[in-house]
Protein backbone atom coordinates (compact mmCIF):
# COMPACT_ATOMS: atom_id res chain seq x y z
CA MET A 1 21.84 21.57 -23.84
CA ALA A 2 18.47 22.72 -25.05
CA LEU A 3 18.19 23.91 -28.70
CA PRO A 4 17.73 27.77 -28.72
CA ASP A 5 14.82 27.31 -31.23
CA PRO A 6 13.49 23.60 -31.48
CA ALA A 7 11.64 24.50 -34.69
CA ALA A 8 14.60 26.02 -36.58
CA PRO A 9 15.76 22.87 -38.38
CA PHE A 10 12.32 22.46 -39.94
CA ARG A 11 11.32 25.92 -41.19
CA ARG A 12 10.36 25.71 -44.81
CA ALA A 13 11.79 22.16 -44.92
CA ARG A 14 10.24 18.95 -46.11
CA VAL A 15 9.59 16.70 -43.21
CA ALA A 16 8.02 13.17 -43.28
CA VAL A 17 5.88 11.86 -40.45
CA VAL A 18 5.34 8.11 -40.62
CA GLY A 19 2.28 6.88 -38.66
CA LEU A 20 -0.48 9.10 -37.41
CA GLY A 21 -0.98 7.95 -33.88
CA ARG A 22 -1.27 10.12 -30.77
CA SER A 23 2.39 11.13 -30.57
CA ASN A 24 2.81 11.92 -34.17
CA ALA A 25 -0.35 14.07 -34.37
CA ALA A 26 1.54 16.30 -31.96
CA VAL A 27 4.61 16.20 -34.29
CA VAL A 28 2.43 17.34 -37.24
CA ARG A 29 1.14 20.27 -35.16
CA PHE A 30 4.51 21.29 -34.15
CA LEU A 31 5.89 21.15 -37.68
CA ALA A 32 3.02 22.95 -39.20
CA ARG A 33 3.49 25.89 -36.71
CA ALA A 34 7.17 25.86 -37.67
CA GLY A 35 6.30 26.37 -41.30
CA ALA A 36 7.59 23.03 -42.47
CA ARG A 37 6.20 21.18 -45.53
CA VAL A 38 4.73 18.19 -43.79
CA GLU A 39 4.16 14.86 -45.56
CA ALA A 40 2.17 12.29 -43.52
CA TYR A 41 2.62 8.60 -44.36
CA GLU A 42 -0.01 6.22 -42.88
CA ARG A 43 -0.73 2.42 -43.49
CA ARG A 44 -4.47 2.94 -43.01
CA GLU A 45 -6.72 3.97 -45.87
CA PRO A 46 -7.83 7.64 -45.82
CA ALA A 47 -11.41 6.54 -45.03
CA ALA A 48 -10.27 5.13 -41.78
CA LEU A 49 -8.60 8.34 -40.66
CA VAL A 50 -11.70 10.36 -40.00
CA GLY A 51 -10.61 12.23 -36.90
CA VAL A 52 -6.89 12.44 -37.74
CA ALA A 53 -7.50 13.31 -41.40
CA ALA A 54 -9.73 16.19 -40.49
CA GLU A 55 -7.04 17.68 -38.24
CA LEU A 56 -4.16 17.15 -40.72
CA ALA A 57 -5.87 18.15 -43.95
CA ALA A 58 -4.82 21.81 -43.72
CA SER A 59 -1.25 21.10 -42.81
CA ALA A 60 0.07 17.90 -44.36
CA ALA A 61 0.27 16.12 -47.68
CA LEU A 62 -1.26 12.61 -46.95
CA PHE A 63 0.16 9.40 -48.50
CA ALA A 64 -2.17 6.65 -47.00
CA GLY A 65 -2.90 2.95 -47.82
CA PRO A 66 -0.92 -0.21 -47.95
CA ALA A 67 1.83 1.30 -50.21
CA TYR A 68 2.61 4.10 -47.87
CA LEU A 69 6.20 3.04 -47.42
CA ASP A 70 6.76 2.75 -51.08
CA ALA A 71 5.55 6.29 -51.33
CA LEU A 72 8.04 7.37 -48.67
CA GLY A 73 10.89 5.54 -50.48
CA ALA A 74 10.15 7.43 -53.69
CA ARG A 75 10.41 10.77 -51.95
CA LEU A 76 13.49 10.49 -49.80
CA ASP A 77 15.50 13.04 -51.69
CA GLY A 78 15.31 16.47 -50.06
CA LEU A 79 13.84 15.35 -46.79
CA ALA A 80 15.16 17.33 -43.71
CA ALA A 81 13.96 14.66 -41.25
CA ILE A 82 11.67 11.63 -40.62
CA PHE A 83 9.57 11.25 -37.56
CA VAL A 84 8.43 7.63 -37.09
CA THR A 85 5.77 6.30 -34.86
CA PRO A 86 7.59 4.70 -31.86
CA GLY A 87 6.42 1.11 -32.28
CA MET A 88 7.65 0.81 -35.93
CA ARG A 89 10.71 -1.26 -36.63
CA LYS A 90 13.65 1.06 -37.13
CA ASP A 91 15.39 -1.46 -39.28
CA LEU A 92 12.90 -1.44 -42.24
CA PRO A 93 14.65 -0.99 -45.55
CA VAL A 94 13.18 2.42 -46.31
CA LEU A 95 14.42 3.80 -42.97
CA ALA A 96 17.78 2.24 -43.42
CA GLU A 97 18.02 3.89 -46.75
CA ALA A 98 16.95 7.22 -45.41
CA ALA A 99 19.66 6.97 -42.67
CA ALA A 100 22.31 6.05 -45.23
CA ARG A 101 21.50 9.20 -47.10
CA GLY A 102 21.82 11.26 -43.98
CA VAL A 103 18.29 11.93 -43.20
CA PRO A 104 17.88 12.24 -39.44
CA LEU A 105 15.32 9.82 -37.87
CA TRP A 106 13.32 10.79 -34.82
CA THR A 107 10.48 9.79 -32.49
CA GLU A 108 8.45 12.49 -30.83
CA ALA A 109 9.97 11.62 -27.44
CA ALA A 110 13.52 11.64 -28.79
CA TYR A 111 13.14 15.16 -30.24
CA VAL A 112 11.48 16.36 -26.96
CA LEU A 113 14.73 15.27 -25.13
CA GLU A 114 16.76 17.04 -27.73
CA ALA A 115 14.80 20.20 -27.54
CA ALA A 116 13.75 20.40 -23.91
CA PRO A 117 14.09 23.87 -22.49
CA VAL A 118 13.88 22.62 -18.91
CA PRO A 119 15.56 19.69 -17.01
CA VAL A 120 14.10 16.32 -17.67
CA ILE A 121 13.60 13.23 -15.49
CA GLY A 122 13.32 10.23 -17.83
CA ILE A 123 12.02 6.84 -16.61
CA THR A 124 12.23 3.48 -18.28
CA GLY A 125 11.98 -0.19 -17.43
CA SER A 126 10.13 -3.37 -18.43
CA ALA A 127 7.51 -2.82 -15.75
CA GLY A 128 6.37 -0.12 -13.25
CA LYS A 129 7.13 2.82 -15.63
CA THR A 130 3.60 4.49 -15.56
CA THR A 131 3.09 4.10 -11.77
CA THR A 132 6.60 5.49 -11.10
CA THR A 133 6.24 8.30 -13.65
CA THR A 134 2.91 9.20 -12.35
CA LEU A 135 4.28 9.45 -8.66
CA VAL A 136 7.32 11.45 -9.74
CA GLY A 137 5.21 13.66 -11.92
CA GLU A 138 2.77 14.47 -9.09
CA ALA A 139 5.60 15.23 -6.62
CA VAL A 140 7.49 17.38 -9.17
CA ALA A 141 4.26 19.36 -9.99
CA ARG A 142 3.83 20.07 -6.23
CA TRP A 143 7.37 21.27 -6.06
CA ARG A 144 7.56 23.13 -9.27
CA PRO A 145 4.07 24.20 -10.53
CA GLY A 146 3.91 24.14 -14.32
CA SER A 147 6.01 21.06 -14.78
CA LEU A 148 4.85 18.62 -17.45
CA VAL A 149 4.37 14.81 -17.55
CA GLY A 150 4.52 12.98 -20.90
CA GLY A 151 6.34 10.59 -23.23
CA ASN A 152 4.75 7.12 -23.19
CA ILE A 153 2.18 8.36 -20.60
CA GLY A 154 -0.42 11.14 -20.93
CA LEU A 155 -0.02 13.86 -23.54
CA PRO A 156 2.84 14.06 -26.16
CA LEU A 157 4.78 17.25 -25.32
CA LEU A 158 6.57 18.35 -28.48
CA ASP A 159 3.91 20.86 -29.27
CA ARG A 160 3.77 22.10 -25.75
CA LEU A 161 7.40 23.16 -25.33
CA GLU A 162 6.83 26.76 -26.29
CA GLY A 163 6.60 28.84 -23.22
CA LEU A 164 8.04 26.10 -20.88
CA ARG A 165 10.86 27.59 -18.83
CA PRO A 166 12.65 26.91 -15.57
CA PRO A 167 12.03 26.40 -12.70
CA ALA A 168 9.60 23.87 -14.27
CA TRP A 169 10.73 20.35 -15.06
CA MET A 170 9.49 17.63 -17.52
CA VAL A 171 8.92 14.04 -16.42
CA LEU A 172 8.96 11.49 -19.24
CA GLU A 173 8.04 7.82 -19.28
CA LEU A 174 10.24 6.40 -22.03
CA SER A 175 9.61 3.04 -23.74
CA SER A 176 12.29 1.06 -25.59
CA PHE A 177 10.63 2.15 -28.94
CA GLN A 178 10.94 5.79 -28.04
CA LEU A 179 14.60 5.44 -26.78
CA GLU A 180 15.79 3.70 -29.93
CA LEU A 181 16.42 7.02 -31.71
CA CYS A 182 17.45 9.21 -28.65
CA ARG A 183 20.73 10.99 -29.01
CA THR A 184 20.32 13.03 -25.78
CA ALA A 185 19.88 11.72 -22.22
CA PRO A 186 17.77 13.20 -19.46
CA ALA A 187 19.40 14.96 -16.51
CA ILE A 188 17.89 12.35 -14.17
CA ALA A 189 17.44 8.84 -15.72
CA GLY A 190 15.84 5.93 -14.01
CA VAL A 191 16.10 2.24 -15.10
CA LEU A 192 13.59 0.35 -13.02
CA ASN A 193 14.18 -3.12 -14.17
CA LEU A 194 15.16 -5.00 -17.31
CA ARG A 195 13.39 -8.22 -18.35
CA PRO A 196 12.50 -9.69 -21.73
CA ASN A 197 9.80 -7.67 -23.55
CA HIS A 198 8.80 -6.53 -27.05
CA LEU A 199 11.00 -9.30 -28.65
CA ASP A 200 8.60 -9.48 -31.54
CA VAL A 201 9.71 -6.02 -32.60
CA HIS A 202 13.34 -5.74 -31.30
CA GLY A 203 14.29 -9.27 -32.41
CA SER A 204 16.45 -10.03 -29.42
CA PHE A 205 16.80 -9.26 -25.75
CA GLU A 206 20.17 -7.64 -26.38
CA ALA A 207 18.61 -5.21 -28.94
CA TYR A 208 15.85 -4.35 -26.43
CA ALA A 209 18.42 -3.87 -23.61
CA ASP A 210 20.50 -1.65 -25.87
CA ALA A 211 17.53 0.64 -26.51
CA LYS A 212 17.08 0.93 -22.74
CA ARG A 213 20.75 1.87 -22.27
CA ARG A 214 20.17 4.99 -24.32
CA ILE A 215 18.38 6.65 -21.42
CA PHE A 216 21.72 7.11 -19.63
CA ARG A 217 24.44 6.45 -22.24
CA SER A 218 24.77 10.24 -23.25
CA GLN A 219 24.69 11.59 -19.71
CA VAL A 220 27.28 14.24 -18.76
CA PRO A 221 28.95 15.16 -15.36
CA GLY A 222 26.20 16.57 -13.09
CA ASP A 223 23.56 14.19 -14.40
CA TRP A 224 22.36 11.19 -12.38
CA ALA A 225 21.22 7.73 -13.25
CA VAL A 226 19.07 5.68 -10.84
CA PHE A 227 19.00 1.89 -11.00
CA GLY A 228 16.87 -0.79 -9.42
CA ARG A 229 19.01 -2.89 -7.09
CA ASP A 230 16.28 -5.55 -6.68
CA ASP A 231 16.26 -6.40 -10.31
CA PRO A 232 19.39 -8.19 -11.71
CA GLY A 233 18.88 -6.83 -15.29
CA ALA A 234 18.91 -3.23 -14.09
CA ALA A 235 21.55 -3.70 -11.50
CA ALA A 236 23.87 -4.99 -14.12
CA LEU A 237 23.71 -1.84 -16.11
CA GLU A 238 24.69 0.36 -13.19
CA ALA A 239 28.45 0.15 -13.90
CA GLU A 240 27.99 1.43 -17.43
CA ALA A 241 26.51 4.77 -16.38
CA PRO A 242 29.04 7.58 -17.33
CA ALA A 243 27.74 10.08 -14.79
CA GLY A 244 26.46 10.00 -11.17
CA ARG A 245 24.89 6.77 -9.92
CA LEU A 246 22.14 6.14 -7.44
CA ALA A 247 20.16 3.13 -6.60
CA PHE A 248 16.90 2.15 -5.13
CA SER A 249 15.68 -0.96 -3.21
CA ALA A 250 12.44 -2.07 -1.55
CA ARG A 251 14.28 -4.85 0.31
CA GLY A 252 16.95 -3.06 2.24
CA PRO A 253 19.27 0.02 2.47
CA VAL A 254 21.53 1.20 -0.43
CA ASP A 255 24.90 2.82 -0.40
CA ALA A 256 23.58 5.94 -2.21
CA GLY A 257 19.91 6.45 -3.22
CA ALA A 258 16.58 5.33 -1.58
CA GLY A 259 16.25 2.07 0.30
CA VAL A 260 14.07 0.53 2.99
CA LEU A 261 15.25 0.50 6.53
CA ARG A 262 12.99 0.20 9.78
CA ASP A 263 9.70 0.32 7.95
CA ALA A 264 10.39 3.34 5.84
CA VAL A 265 11.82 4.35 2.48
CA ARG A 266 14.93 6.31 3.50
CA TRP A 267 17.35 8.55 1.63
CA PHE A 268 20.99 7.52 1.72
CA PRO A 269 22.93 10.47 0.15
CA PRO A 270 26.14 9.94 -1.72
CA ALA A 271 29.45 10.42 0.10
CA PRO A 272 31.06 12.77 -0.65
CA ALA A 273 28.12 15.07 -1.29
CA PRO A 274 27.91 16.02 -5.03
CA PRO A 275 28.01 19.55 -6.31
CA VAL A 276 24.81 21.57 -6.00
CA ARG A 277 22.62 21.41 -9.01
CA PRO A 278 22.11 24.84 -10.56
CA ASP A 279 18.34 24.03 -11.04
CA GLY A 280 17.59 22.43 -7.74
CA PRO A 281 17.67 23.46 -4.05
CA ALA A 282 20.88 23.32 -2.02
CA PRO A 283 22.05 21.02 -0.53
CA TRP A 284 20.55 17.54 -0.99
CA PRO A 285 18.92 16.44 2.21
CA LYS A 286 20.86 14.42 4.81
CA ALA A 287 19.99 10.73 5.44
CA ALA A 288 16.29 10.76 6.53
CA ALA A 289 13.07 8.70 6.37
CA VAL A 290 11.17 9.95 3.33
CA VAL A 291 8.08 7.58 3.07
CA PRO A 292 6.76 5.48 5.95
CA LEU A 293 5.76 2.18 4.41
CA PRO A 294 2.27 2.14 6.19
CA SER A 295 1.47 5.33 4.17
CA VAL A 296 1.79 3.44 0.82
CA ARG A 297 -1.78 2.63 -0.18
CA VAL A 298 -1.22 0.71 -3.48
CA PRO A 299 -0.74 -3.00 -2.87
CA GLY A 300 2.08 -5.26 -3.72
CA GLN A 301 5.87 -5.55 -3.27
CA HIS A 302 6.35 -4.15 -6.82
CA ASN A 303 4.64 -1.01 -5.74
CA ARG A 304 6.98 -0.65 -2.90
CA GLU A 305 9.76 -0.81 -5.47
CA ASN A 306 7.92 1.88 -7.47
CA VAL A 307 7.76 4.10 -4.42
CA ALA A 308 11.53 3.68 -3.71
CA ALA A 309 12.30 4.39 -7.26
CA ALA A 310 10.18 7.56 -7.32
CA ALA A 311 11.79 8.73 -4.05
CA ALA A 312 15.28 8.27 -5.54
CA LEU A 313 14.40 10.09 -8.77
CA CYS A 314 12.73 12.94 -7.03
CA LEU A 315 15.54 13.40 -4.48
CA ALA A 316 18.16 13.38 -7.16
CA ALA A 317 16.21 16.19 -8.80
CA GLY A 318 16.07 18.13 -5.53
CA VAL A 319 12.39 17.55 -4.60
CA PRO A 320 12.00 18.00 -0.82
CA PRO A 321 11.41 14.88 1.24
CA GLY A 322 8.13 16.15 2.67
CA VAL A 323 6.73 16.70 -0.72
CA ILE A 324 7.57 13.09 -1.72
CA GLY A 325 6.00 11.71 1.41
CA ALA A 326 2.77 13.71 0.96
CA THR A 327 2.50 12.68 -2.70
CA VAL A 328 2.91 8.96 -1.88
CA ALA A 329 0.39 9.17 1.03
CA ALA A 330 -2.19 10.65 -1.35
CA PHE A 331 -1.64 8.20 -4.24
CA ARG A 332 -4.25 5.63 -5.05
CA GLY A 333 -2.79 3.91 -8.08
CA VAL A 334 -3.24 4.16 -11.81
CA GLU A 335 -6.06 2.72 -13.95
CA HIS A 336 -5.60 -0.85 -15.41
CA ARG A 337 -2.84 -1.64 -12.78
CA GLN A 338 -4.15 -4.01 -10.28
CA GLN A 339 -7.33 -1.92 -10.02
CA VAL A 340 -10.27 -3.32 -7.98
CA VAL A 341 -13.23 -2.78 -10.29
CA ARG A 342 -16.00 -4.17 -8.30
CA GLU A 343 -16.94 -6.51 -5.43
CA TRP A 344 -19.67 -8.79 -6.81
CA ARG A 345 -21.34 -11.41 -4.62
CA GLY A 346 -18.37 -11.43 -2.34
CA ALA A 347 -15.77 -11.86 -5.16
CA ARG A 348 -13.32 -9.02 -6.10
CA PHE A 349 -12.71 -8.32 -9.73
CA VAL A 350 -9.34 -6.74 -10.44
CA ASN A 351 -8.19 -5.12 -13.67
CA ASP A 352 -4.54 -5.66 -14.42
CA SER A 353 -4.74 -5.18 -18.22
CA ILE A 354 -1.27 -3.53 -18.19
CA ALA A 355 0.23 -6.94 -17.53
CA THR A 356 1.36 -7.47 -21.09
CA THR A 357 4.39 -9.68 -20.05
CA PRO A 358 4.76 -12.90 -17.92
CA ASP A 359 6.78 -10.90 -15.37
CA ARG A 360 3.84 -8.52 -14.74
CA CYS A 361 1.38 -11.29 -14.47
CA ALA A 362 3.62 -13.03 -12.00
CA ALA A 363 3.80 -9.81 -9.83
CA ALA A 364 0.02 -9.62 -9.75
CA LEU A 365 -0.14 -13.34 -8.68
CA ASP A 366 2.27 -12.38 -5.92
CA THR A 367 0.05 -9.55 -4.75
CA TRP A 368 -3.18 -11.36 -4.73
CA GLY A 369 -2.01 -14.80 -3.92
CA GLY A 370 -3.33 -14.80 -0.44
CA SER A 371 -6.80 -15.25 -1.96
CA PRO A 372 -8.37 -17.96 -4.02
CA LEU A 373 -7.58 -16.78 -7.58
CA VAL A 374 -9.37 -17.09 -10.96
CA LEU A 375 -6.97 -15.83 -13.55
CA LEU A 376 -8.03 -14.42 -17.02
CA ALA A 377 -5.05 -14.55 -19.27
CA GLY A 378 -4.07 -14.59 -23.03
CA GLY A 379 -3.73 -12.34 -25.92
CA TYR A 380 -1.12 -11.37 -28.65
CA ASP A 381 2.18 -13.21 -28.68
CA LYS A 382 5.16 -10.94 -28.04
CA GLY A 383 7.66 -13.80 -28.39
CA ILE A 384 8.26 -14.15 -24.59
CA PRO A 385 8.36 -17.70 -23.13
CA PHE A 386 5.76 -18.68 -20.58
CA THR A 387 7.73 -21.43 -18.96
CA GLU A 388 8.40 -19.82 -15.60
CA LEU A 389 4.92 -18.27 -15.49
CA GLY A 390 3.30 -21.62 -16.05
CA VAL A 391 4.79 -22.87 -12.80
CA GLU A 392 3.64 -19.81 -10.85
CA ILE A 393 0.10 -20.05 -12.26
CA ALA A 394 -0.01 -23.78 -11.35
CA ARG A 395 1.23 -22.97 -7.84
CA ARG A 396 -1.02 -20.01 -7.06
CA VAL A 397 -4.15 -20.12 -9.10
CA GLU A 398 -7.41 -22.17 -8.65
CA ARG A 399 -8.85 -21.69 -12.04
CA VAL A 400 -7.36 -20.46 -15.29
CA ILE A 401 -9.43 -18.98 -18.02
CA LEU A 402 -7.51 -18.60 -21.30
CA PHE A 403 -8.46 -16.55 -24.41
CA GLY A 404 -6.79 -15.02 -27.44
CA ALA A 405 -3.88 -16.10 -29.67
CA THR A 406 -1.70 -17.38 -26.94
CA ALA A 407 -4.37 -19.54 -25.09
CA GLY A 408 -2.74 -22.68 -26.34
CA ALA A 409 0.76 -21.71 -25.42
CA LEU A 410 -0.31 -20.71 -21.92
CA GLN A 411 -2.23 -23.91 -21.40
CA GLU A 412 0.88 -25.92 -22.39
CA ALA A 413 3.06 -23.88 -19.99
CA VAL A 414 0.61 -24.36 -17.01
CA GLU A 415 0.29 -28.10 -17.78
CA ALA A 416 4.13 -28.39 -17.88
CA GLY A 417 4.35 -26.35 -14.63
CA ALA A 418 2.00 -28.59 -12.76
CA ALA A 419 4.59 -31.13 -11.83
CA PRO A 420 7.24 -28.78 -10.31
CA ALA A 421 4.46 -26.79 -8.66
CA GLY A 422 2.89 -29.94 -7.17
CA ARG A 423 -0.74 -28.96 -8.24
CA ARG A 424 -2.76 -28.36 -11.41
CA PRO A 425 -5.38 -25.66 -11.52
CA ALA A 426 -8.64 -26.14 -13.40
CA MET A 427 -8.34 -24.75 -16.87
CA GLU A 428 -10.78 -23.67 -19.63
CA ARG A 429 -10.37 -21.96 -23.00
CA VAL A 430 -12.94 -19.39 -24.30
CA PRO A 431 -12.98 -17.34 -27.48
CA ASP A 432 -12.67 -13.85 -26.13
CA LEU A 433 -12.61 -11.55 -23.11
CA ASP A 434 -16.47 -11.33 -23.05
CA ALA A 435 -16.77 -15.06 -22.61
CA ALA A 436 -13.87 -15.09 -20.12
CA VAL A 437 -15.78 -12.68 -17.76
CA GLN A 438 -18.88 -14.80 -17.92
CA ALA A 439 -16.90 -17.91 -17.13
CA ALA A 440 -15.24 -16.25 -14.29
CA ALA A 441 -18.48 -14.99 -12.82
CA ALA A 442 -19.84 -18.51 -12.95
CA ALA A 443 -16.80 -19.86 -11.07
CA ALA A 444 -16.42 -17.01 -8.49
CA ARG A 445 -17.50 -17.36 -4.84
CA PRO A 446 -17.24 -15.12 -1.84
CA GLY A 447 -13.53 -14.43 -1.02
CA THR A 448 -12.36 -15.11 -4.71
CA VAL A 449 -10.26 -12.75 -6.52
CA VAL A 450 -11.03 -12.65 -10.37
CA LEU A 451 -7.84 -11.30 -11.82
CA LEU A 452 -7.52 -9.97 -15.52
CA SER A 453 -3.71 -10.22 -15.78
CA PRO A 454 -3.29 -11.41 -19.36
CA ALA A 455 0.56 -11.82 -19.56
CA CYS A 456 0.27 -10.81 -23.20
CA ALA A 457 -0.33 -7.74 -25.36
CA SER A 458 -3.83 -7.05 -26.47
CA PHE A 459 -3.42 -6.62 -30.27
CA ASP A 460 -5.08 -9.80 -31.32
CA GLN A 461 -8.44 -8.35 -30.21
CA PHE A 462 -8.04 -4.87 -28.90
CA THR A 463 -6.27 -1.60 -29.92
CA ASP A 464 -4.19 -1.50 -26.76
CA PHE A 465 -4.29 -2.72 -23.10
CA GLU A 466 -6.43 0.36 -22.14
CA GLU A 467 -9.18 -0.67 -24.48
CA ARG A 468 -8.90 -4.20 -23.13
CA GLY A 469 -9.13 -2.95 -19.51
CA ARG A 470 -12.06 -0.70 -20.23
CA ARG A 471 -13.86 -3.59 -21.82
CA PHE A 472 -13.25 -5.72 -18.79
CA ARG A 473 -14.56 -3.01 -16.50
CA ALA A 474 -17.69 -2.60 -18.53
CA LEU A 475 -18.34 -6.31 -18.52
CA VAL A 476 -17.81 -6.58 -14.77
CA GLU A 477 -20.04 -3.57 -14.09
CA ALA A 478 -22.76 -5.12 -16.28
CA LEU A 479 -22.92 -8.29 -14.13
CA PRO A 480 -26.38 -8.47 -12.59
CA ASP A 481 -26.53 -7.84 -8.83
């Protein structure tokens, strides 16, 4: 149930905002309009906050620098709430002390779910979230103009809730970091897959999985949760859902949801039919083909899974099948996700910078494995083993160019994988992405695919995977004709 006035708990109250990234800048704007007394806490020094500081100077008291958490700890008394940046560990002593004192902890996305004045489709998973959310968002916008897409993708939405009313919907990509503090579940929740990720922050796979469970744990009758049947981790959670359950599969039919049969993604409605949603059309469609597979333009089996997931989520919300099919047919993919940047001297250079885990890199190898592969991999260590990926790389790749903090660990995994794979690719280590592109260009020949699919986060050398992908694209575009 949406809050009648999302800003009411914060009027004339002291509220702390910890971390001044993109999502929390929206929190500051929202709180300032609500008349809250905003205190912003940031690890960076004030001189490094040029753009953000200028925006916040008139609306927040700023506590910046290495001792910012000490400053927060000294000012817990009287706080009405704390909004934390999503990637911050939630078990830090100062946050544990705040919770013990009864101070509510929020992320921007968690409060958006709490305060949403329209129905929400929420999507999480270890891979495929952005592509699926983009597809769902585009279909929902065709169906219900004025609907918004946000969360871990696009714009933060907390400062855009005012004026948002049915029949619009919201579509949210939700990361494990955003879900950790969620108390409310979306009306339609999707769990695409569940594989080890972000273990450097969560500490264990179980803690990571528990954060993901929050997307459906608080659902009520009339809500629906959609699970990926092709992924053992997601399928194992299906029995825990307290409300309606649907599934999706790119490998075959499902009992209720969206599955593949006779070269199309088809809708298999639940039996008996559920009650009609008050905010959707009536009734749900009968069994029907929704997306002919030849109309799916984005490559790879993983993208067929994304399309099936999007179809199930949209149909659960009431989006007409024709709208879904037209949206998929027009979709050309999302930047940094197996994106062909350039064909250069007969070789294709592919930007898959979003591949921040071994699983995502393996999916890219599966997509492009029909061509001779030069793989660029390495980066920040998230604490995920490379053992299985090492075998896949040895089996599928001709040359591996390694860079970044994990170059040594990846090299060891590929060398260990050579025996079970029955072959060993050529390998070289370079200091950074710039050198990796130059080495790849020297090795490429007509028909080669040069694939940036790092299997690691970017934080050792870049702000995020998007900056890494943009740098790759710039380097490739600068190669001489």
